[in-house]
N, C-alpha and C. Protein backbone atom coordinates (compact mmCIF):
# COMPACT_ATOMS: atom_id res chain seq x y z
N MET A 1 0.93 -1.54 -0.36
CA MET A 1 0.02 -0.34 -0.14
C MET A 1 0.95 1.45 0.11
N LYS A 2 2.39 1.09 0.90
CA LYS A 2 2.58 2.42 0.93
C LYS A 2 3.42 2.65 -0.30
N GLN A 3 3.78 0.97 -1.60
CA GLN A 3 4.25 1.92 -2.46
C GLN A 3 3.35 2.24 -3.75
N LEU A 4 2.22 1.95 -3.44
CA LEU A 4 1.45 2.32 -4.42
C LEU A 4 0.85 3.56 -4.12
N PHE A 5 0.68 4.43 -2.49
CA PHE A 5 1.10 5.93 -2.64
C PHE A 5 2.14 6.73 -3.35
N ALA A 6 3.22 5.65 -2.85
CA ALA A 6 4.14 6.92 -3.65
C ALA A 6 4.66 6.53 -4.78
N ALA A 7 3.81 5.54 -5.71
CA ALA A 7 3.60 5.90 -7.29
C ALA A 7 2.77 7.00 -7.65
N ILE A 8 1.58 7.18 -6.74
CA ILE A 8 0.33 7.56 -7.66
C ILE A 8 1.30 9.45 -7.12
N ALA A 9 1.68 9.73 -6.05
CA ALA A 9 2.31 10.90 -5.38
C ALA A 9 3.54 11.20 -6.47
N MET A 10 4.44 10.34 -7.39
CA MET A 10 5.30 10.50 -7.98
C MET A 10 4.43 11.14 -9.32
N PHE A 11 3.98 10.34 -10.01
CA PHE A 11 2.63 10.57 -10.92
C PHE A 11 2.42 11.83 -10.88
N ALA A 12 1.71 12.15 -9.60
CA ALA A 12 0.84 13.58 -9.77
C ALA A 12 2.15 14.31 -9.43
N ALA A 13 3.00 14.06 -8.99
CA ALA A 13 4.30 15.25 -9.53
C ALA A 13 4.07 15.73 -10.83
N LEU A 14 4.41 13.86 -11.46
CA LEU A 14 5.35 14.60 -12.84
C LEU A 14 3.67 15.28 -13.67
N CYS A 15 2.44 15.36 -12.98
CA CYS A 15 1.50 15.60 -14.06
C CYS A 15 1.47 16.93 -13.74
N VAL A 16 1.90 17.46 -12.74
CA VAL A 16 1.99 19.47 -12.59
C VAL A 16 2.71 19.72 -13.20
N MET A 17 4.59 18.81 -13.45
CA MET A 17 5.29 19.74 -13.60
C MET A 17 6.05 19.85 -15.16
N ALA A 18 4.45 18.78 -16.06
CA ALA A 18 4.85 18.15 -17.06
C ALA A 18 4.32 19.99 -17.64
N ASP A 19 3.62 20.73 -17.31
CA ASP A 19 3.59 22.13 -17.94
C ASP A 19 4.63 22.88 -17.66
N ARG A 20 5.21 22.99 -17.34
CA ARG A 20 6.74 23.05 -16.50
C ARG A 20 8.16 23.49 -17.62
N VAL A 21 7.59 22.19 -18.60
CA VAL A 21 8.49 21.74 -19.26
C VAL A 21 8.73 22.83 -20.40
N PRO A 22 9.67 23.66 -20.99
CA PRO A 22 9.23 24.91 -21.72
C PRO A 22 9.15 24.45 -22.98
N PRO A 23 8.57 25.03 -23.70
CA PRO A 23 7.96 24.68 -25.01
C PRO A 23 8.79 24.95 -26.06
N GLY A 24 8.68 23.81 -27.04
CA GLY A 24 9.44 23.45 -28.27
C GLY A 24 9.46 22.26 -28.41
N SER A 25 10.80 21.92 -29.18
CA SER A 25 10.68 20.51 -29.94
C SER A 25 12.50 20.14 -28.47
N VAL A 26 12.67 19.07 -29.30
CA VAL A 26 14.02 18.53 -28.34
C VAL A 26 15.19 19.78 -29.24
N ASP A 27 15.37 20.07 -30.15
CA ASP A 27 15.82 19.95 -30.83
C ASP A 27 16.42 21.78 -30.53
N GLU A 28 15.20 22.89 -30.85
CA GLU A 28 15.05 23.87 -30.64
C GLU A 28 15.40 23.37 -28.44
N ILE A 29 14.85 23.16 -28.38
CA ILE A 29 15.66 23.18 -26.26
C ILE A 29 16.79 23.01 -26.42
N ARG A 30 17.96 22.32 -26.60
CA ARG A 30 18.83 22.32 -27.22
C ARG A 30 19.43 23.30 -27.37
N ALA A 31 18.81 24.10 -28.80
CA ALA A 31 19.80 24.66 -29.40
C ALA A 31 19.73 25.84 -28.42
N ARG A 32 18.44 26.37 -27.01
CA ARG A 32 18.57 27.32 -26.89
C ARG A 32 19.71 27.28 -25.13
N THR A 33 20.04 25.90 -25.02
CA THR A 33 20.60 25.12 -23.51
C THR A 33 21.94 25.26 -24.15
N GLN A 34 22.71 24.91 -25.77
CA GLN A 34 24.18 25.46 -26.06
C GLN A 34 24.83 26.15 -25.33
N PRO A 35 26.02 25.68 -24.92
CA PRO A 35 26.97 26.62 -23.76
C PRO A 35 27.11 28.04 -24.70
N TYR A 36 27.37 28.62 -23.83
CA TYR A 36 27.26 30.18 -24.09
C TYR A 36 29.45 30.73 -25.22
N GLY A 37 29.77 29.64 -25.00
CA GLY A 37 31.32 29.46 -25.00
C GLY A 37 32.32 28.85 -24.82
N GLU A 38 33.71 28.52 -24.22
CA GLU A 38 34.48 27.13 -24.23
C GLU A 38 35.25 28.11 -23.25
N LEU A 39 35.94 27.36 -22.35
CA LEU A 39 37.21 28.38 -21.74
C LEU A 39 38.51 28.37 -22.24
N CYS A 40 39.54 28.80 -22.63
CA CYS A 40 40.20 28.39 -22.71
C CYS A 40 41.92 28.71 -22.20
N LYS A 41 42.59 27.52 -21.29
CA LYS A 41 43.83 27.69 -20.68
C LYS A 41 44.75 28.25 -21.53
N ALA A 42 46.07 28.93 -20.23
CA ALA A 42 47.05 29.84 -20.67
C ALA A 42 47.09 28.78 -22.21
N GLY A 43 48.31 28.98 -23.36
CA GLY A 43 49.05 27.93 -23.98
C GLY A 43 48.24 27.34 -24.71
N GLU A 44 46.73 27.37 -24.89
CA GLU A 44 45.66 25.84 -25.52
C GLU A 44 45.46 27.03 -26.42
N THR A 45 44.78 25.84 -27.72
CA THR A 45 44.54 26.96 -29.62
C THR A 45 42.91 26.49 -28.92
N CYS A 46 41.72 26.65 -28.50
CA CYS A 46 40.65 26.41 -28.50
C CYS A 46 40.03 26.54 -29.99
N GLY A 47 39.79 26.24 -31.29
CA GLY A 47 39.30 25.84 -32.12
C GLY A 47 40.11 27.63 -33.24
N GLN A 48 39.53 28.06 -33.00
CA GLN A 48 40.06 29.37 -33.53
C GLN A 48 39.87 30.75 -32.74
N ALA A 49 40.20 30.26 -31.31
CA ALA A 49 39.59 31.89 -30.05
C ALA A 49 40.79 32.54 -30.16
N THR A 50 40.39 33.48 -30.08
CA THR A 50 41.83 34.77 -30.01
C THR A 50 41.61 35.74 -28.93
N VAL A 51 43.02 36.40 -27.76
CA VAL A 51 43.06 36.68 -26.68
C VAL A 51 42.43 38.06 -27.85
N ALA A 52 41.19 38.31 -26.61
CA ALA A 52 41.15 39.82 -26.68
C ALA A 52 42.35 40.87 -26.47
N GLN A 53 42.25 41.65 -26.95
CA GLN A 53 43.78 43.29 -27.12
C GLN A 53 42.43 44.15 -26.88
N ALA A 54 43.34 45.31 -25.90
CA ALA A 54 43.15 46.05 -25.31
C ALA A 54 43.38 47.41 -26.28
N GLY A 55 41.96 48.01 -26.67
CA GLY A 55 43.10 49.47 -27.64
C GLY A 55 43.38 50.74 -26.88
N GLY A 56 43.91 51.21 -28.09
CA GLY A 56 44.61 52.51 -27.39
C GLY A 56 45.55 51.96 -26.49
N ALA A 57 46.15 53.41 -26.26
CA ALA A 57 47.11 53.65 -25.52
C ALA A 57 47.31 52.71 -24.12
N PRO A 58 48.29 52.75 -23.61
CA PRO A 58 48.16 51.86 -21.98
C PRO A 58 48.04 52.57 -21.10
N ARG A 59 47.76 52.26 -20.00
CA ARG A 59 46.93 53.36 -19.28
C ARG A 59 49.02 53.45 -17.92
N ALA A 60 47.99 54.50 -17.62
CA ALA A 60 49.66 55.54 -16.66
C ALA A 60 49.58 55.05 -15.55
N GLY A 61 51.19 55.32 -15.23
CA GLY A 61 51.14 54.01 -13.62
C GLY A 61 50.30 54.79 -12.85
N ASP A 62 49.92 56.05 -12.33
CA ASP A 62 48.52 56.40 -11.70
C ASP A 62 47.48 56.30 -11.53
N THR A 63 46.76 55.95 -12.86
CA THR A 63 45.38 54.45 -13.10
C THR A 63 45.70 53.53 -12.70
N ILE A 64 47.45 52.47 -13.42
CA ILE A 64 47.01 51.40 -12.72
C ILE A 64 46.97 51.65 -10.84
N TYR A 65 47.63 52.25 -10.50
CA TYR A 65 48.05 52.41 -8.74
C TYR A 65 46.39 52.49 -8.08
N SER A 66 45.69 53.92 -9.04
CA SER A 66 44.99 54.04 -8.39
C SER A 66 43.94 52.72 -7.98
N GLN A 67 43.73 52.06 -9.77
CA GLN A 67 43.11 50.99 -9.58
C GLN A 67 42.88 49.56 -8.48
N PHE A 68 44.55 49.51 -8.83
CA PHE A 68 44.50 47.78 -7.96
C PHE A 68 46.48 48.39 -7.11
N CYS A 69 46.77 49.45 -6.83
CA CYS A 69 47.36 49.19 -5.76
C CYS A 69 47.09 49.48 -4.57
N PHE A 70 46.06 50.52 -4.23
CA PHE A 70 46.16 52.05 -3.75
C PHE A 70 45.31 51.48 -2.67
N ALA A 71 44.88 49.92 -2.11
CA ALA A 71 44.91 50.26 -1.24
C ALA A 71 45.93 49.63 -0.19
N CYS A 72 46.80 48.71 -0.39
CA CYS A 72 47.51 48.16 0.49
C CYS A 72 48.62 49.60 0.58
N HIS A 73 49.08 50.19 -0.95
CA HIS A 73 50.42 50.84 -1.08
C HIS A 73 49.82 52.69 -0.09
N ALA A 74 49.41 52.58 0.11
CA ALA A 74 48.54 53.92 0.55
C ALA A 74 48.47 54.04 1.82
N THR A 75 48.42 53.08 2.26
CA THR A 75 48.91 52.89 4.23
C THR A 75 50.28 52.35 4.80
N GLY A 76 50.54 51.42 3.95
CA GLY A 76 51.59 49.87 3.58
C GLY A 76 51.05 48.90 4.12
N VAL A 77 50.19 48.22 3.98
CA VAL A 77 49.35 47.35 4.58
C VAL A 77 50.53 46.08 4.31
N ALA A 78 50.51 45.31 5.26
CA ALA A 78 51.20 43.91 5.09
C ALA A 78 52.65 44.13 4.74
N GLY A 79 53.19 45.50 5.46
CA GLY A 79 54.63 45.73 5.36
C GLY A 79 55.03 46.14 3.68
N ALA A 80 53.68 47.02 2.83
CA ALA A 80 54.44 47.15 0.98
C ALA A 80 54.70 48.18 1.45
N PRO A 81 55.58 48.80 0.75
CA PRO A 81 56.08 50.41 0.96
C PRO A 81 55.18 51.88 0.33
N VAL A 82 55.12 52.52 0.98
CA VAL A 82 54.19 53.54 1.14
C VAL A 82 54.29 54.34 -0.81
N LEU A 83 53.81 54.69 -1.01
CA LEU A 83 53.49 55.69 -2.00
C LEU A 83 54.47 56.89 -2.07
N GLY A 84 54.83 57.52 -2.85
CA GLY A 84 55.95 58.31 -2.60
C GLY A 84 56.90 58.17 -1.33
N ASN A 85 56.74 57.73 -0.35
CA ASN A 85 57.99 56.99 0.17
C ASN A 85 59.40 56.62 0.23
N ALA A 86 60.52 57.57 -0.07
CA ALA A 86 61.28 57.16 -0.68
C ALA A 86 62.26 56.24 0.39
N GLY A 87 61.90 56.72 1.42
CA GLY A 87 62.71 55.38 2.86
C GLY A 87 62.66 54.63 2.80
N GLU A 88 61.01 53.76 2.20
CA GLU A 88 61.03 52.49 1.78
C GLU A 88 61.34 52.30 0.73
N TRP A 89 60.95 53.03 -0.36
CA TRP A 89 60.79 51.85 -1.35
C TRP A 89 62.81 51.94 -2.22
N ALA A 90 63.81 52.95 -1.23
CA ALA A 90 65.25 52.44 -1.90
C ALA A 90 66.41 51.50 -1.28
N PRO A 91 65.54 50.74 -0.61
CA PRO A 91 66.32 49.29 0.44
C PRO A 91 65.58 48.53 -1.08
N ARG A 92 64.65 49.02 -1.55
CA ARG A 92 63.53 48.08 -2.91
C ARG A 92 64.07 47.95 -3.93
N LEU A 93 64.40 49.46 -4.41
CA LEU A 93 64.69 49.54 -5.46
C LEU A 93 66.46 49.59 -5.70
N ALA A 94 67.29 49.17 -4.98
CA ALA A 94 68.23 49.27 -4.36
C ALA A 94 69.42 47.84 -4.85
N LYS A 95 67.83 47.03 -4.89
CA LYS A 95 68.19 45.31 -4.42
C LYS A 95 68.09 45.56 -7.35
N GLY A 96 67.67 46.29 -7.94
CA GLY A 96 67.56 46.48 -9.05
C GLY A 96 66.57 45.98 -9.80
N ASP A 97 66.37 46.11 -11.21
CA ASP A 97 65.32 46.23 -11.82
C ASP A 97 64.60 44.77 -11.97
N ASP A 98 65.77 44.08 -11.95
CA ASP A 98 65.20 42.20 -12.32
C ASP A 98 64.41 41.75 -11.45
N VAL A 99 64.81 41.84 -9.84
CA VAL A 99 64.12 41.42 -8.90
C VAL A 99 63.27 42.11 -7.94
N ILE A 100 62.99 43.55 -8.48
CA ILE A 100 61.55 44.17 -8.79
C ILE A 100 60.59 43.77 -9.31
N TRP A 101 61.31 43.35 -11.09
CA TRP A 101 60.77 42.39 -11.63
C TRP A 101 59.62 41.28 -11.26
N VAL A 102 59.99 40.35 -10.38
CA VAL A 102 60.36 39.59 -10.13
C VAL A 102 59.03 39.56 -8.81
N SER A 103 58.58 40.57 -8.07
CA SER A 103 58.51 40.99 -7.40
C SER A 103 56.99 41.25 -7.73
N VAL A 104 56.97 42.25 -8.52
CA VAL A 104 55.90 42.67 -9.08
C VAL A 104 55.38 41.43 -9.82
N THR A 105 55.99 40.68 -10.87
CA THR A 105 55.32 39.15 -11.88
C THR A 105 54.57 37.76 -10.82
N LYS A 106 55.37 37.86 -9.80
CA LYS A 106 55.33 36.27 -9.15
C LYS A 106 54.46 36.85 -7.91
N GLY A 107 54.72 38.47 -7.55
CA GLY A 107 54.50 38.67 -6.00
C GLY A 107 55.18 38.70 -5.08
N LEU A 108 55.43 39.13 -3.84
CA LEU A 108 55.79 38.68 -2.71
C LEU A 108 54.98 39.23 -1.78
N ASN A 109 55.38 38.76 -0.41
CA ASN A 109 54.56 37.40 0.88
C ASN A 109 53.34 38.29 0.46
N ALA A 110 52.66 38.97 0.85
CA ALA A 110 51.34 39.82 1.38
C ALA A 110 50.84 39.65 -0.10
N MET A 111 51.98 40.43 -1.09
CA MET A 111 51.21 41.25 -2.20
C MET A 111 51.31 40.11 -3.20
N PRO A 112 50.01 40.28 -3.77
CA PRO A 112 49.29 38.13 -5.10
C PRO A 112 50.39 39.36 -6.07
N ALA A 113 50.24 38.16 -6.90
CA ALA A 113 51.28 38.08 -8.51
C ALA A 113 50.84 39.57 -9.02
N MET A 114 51.46 40.80 -10.06
CA MET A 114 51.06 41.35 -10.56
C MET A 114 49.59 42.11 -9.86
N GLY A 115 49.91 42.64 -8.87
CA GLY A 115 49.18 43.37 -7.43
C GLY A 115 47.82 43.13 -7.59
N THR A 116 47.39 41.97 -8.21
CA THR A 116 45.90 41.68 -8.51
C THR A 116 45.46 42.61 -9.90
N CYS A 117 46.26 42.97 -10.94
CA CYS A 117 46.23 43.36 -12.08
C CYS A 117 46.25 43.03 -13.37
N MET A 118 45.67 41.09 -13.68
CA MET A 118 45.55 40.30 -14.28
C MET A 118 45.89 41.00 -16.08
N ASN A 119 45.77 41.84 -15.74
CA ASN A 119 45.13 42.22 -17.38
C ASN A 119 46.42 43.56 -17.88
N CYS A 120 46.95 44.21 -16.68
CA CYS A 120 47.76 44.63 -17.13
C CYS A 120 49.55 44.35 -17.97
N SER A 121 49.57 45.02 -19.27
CA SER A 121 50.62 44.93 -19.37
C SER A 121 51.83 45.32 -18.90
N ASP A 122 53.28 44.73 -19.61
CA ASP A 122 54.37 44.50 -18.57
C ASP A 122 54.65 46.66 -18.35
N GLU A 123 54.29 47.12 -19.80
CA GLU A 123 54.80 48.69 -19.66
C GLU A 123 53.94 49.31 -18.24
N GLU A 124 52.16 48.82 -18.43
CA GLU A 124 51.35 49.16 -17.17
C GLU A 124 51.67 48.59 -16.16
N LEU A 125 52.40 48.34 -15.82
CA LEU A 125 53.09 47.13 -14.24
C LEU A 125 54.18 48.50 -14.22
N LYS A 126 55.61 48.46 -15.24
CA LYS A 126 56.92 49.27 -14.71
C LYS A 126 55.77 50.72 -14.57
N ALA A 127 54.94 51.02 -15.42
CA ALA A 127 54.83 52.36 -15.17
C ALA A 127 54.06 52.66 -13.84
N ALA A 128 53.58 51.83 -12.81
CA ALA A 128 52.81 50.95 -11.10
C ALA A 128 53.89 52.27 -10.62
N VAL A 129 54.70 50.89 -10.57
CA VAL A 129 56.06 50.72 -9.87
C VAL A 129 56.17 51.83 -10.17
N ALA A 130 57.13 53.34 -11.04
CA ALA A 130 57.63 54.32 -11.15
C ALA A 130 57.38 55.00 -10.46
N TYR A 131 55.62 54.87 -10.63
CA TYR A 131 54.95 55.51 -10.09
C TYR A 131 54.65 55.83 -8.28
N MET A 132 54.76 54.78 -8.17
CA MET A 132 54.72 54.41 -6.78
C MET A 132 55.59 55.00 -6.08
N SER A 133 57.03 54.57 -6.74
CA SER A 133 58.41 54.79 -6.00
C SER A 133 59.37 56.25 -6.54
N LYS A 134 58.97 56.54 -6.87
CA LYS A 134 58.99 58.80 -7.24
C LYS A 134 58.87 59.17 -5.61
């Protein structure tokens, strides 16, 4: 008897849900629910996918700073050298451009790689460092 009630409940539920199926043929439903695109990993080619290119000139160092760097470099969070503080920047700059570049691109201590600006060009990142350290 218990199984009969379960079967009746399932049948009733299916009847109620039957009107909730989107209209259209199976092919029309499949066409509407196709994935929007595909995910390409760095170094892989995905069909005819191309990397989106930003138009125009590179962003200035102060623009990059204002969007990505200020949260830590304005106040020195977690030991970050403060904007324009020559005393804090001098020991870092003394290590040379190559060491600074590794820190910028790979991250250092609490600073994430590229300072969270994953769409910054090398030129933009270097401009940001120059702006902050002057």
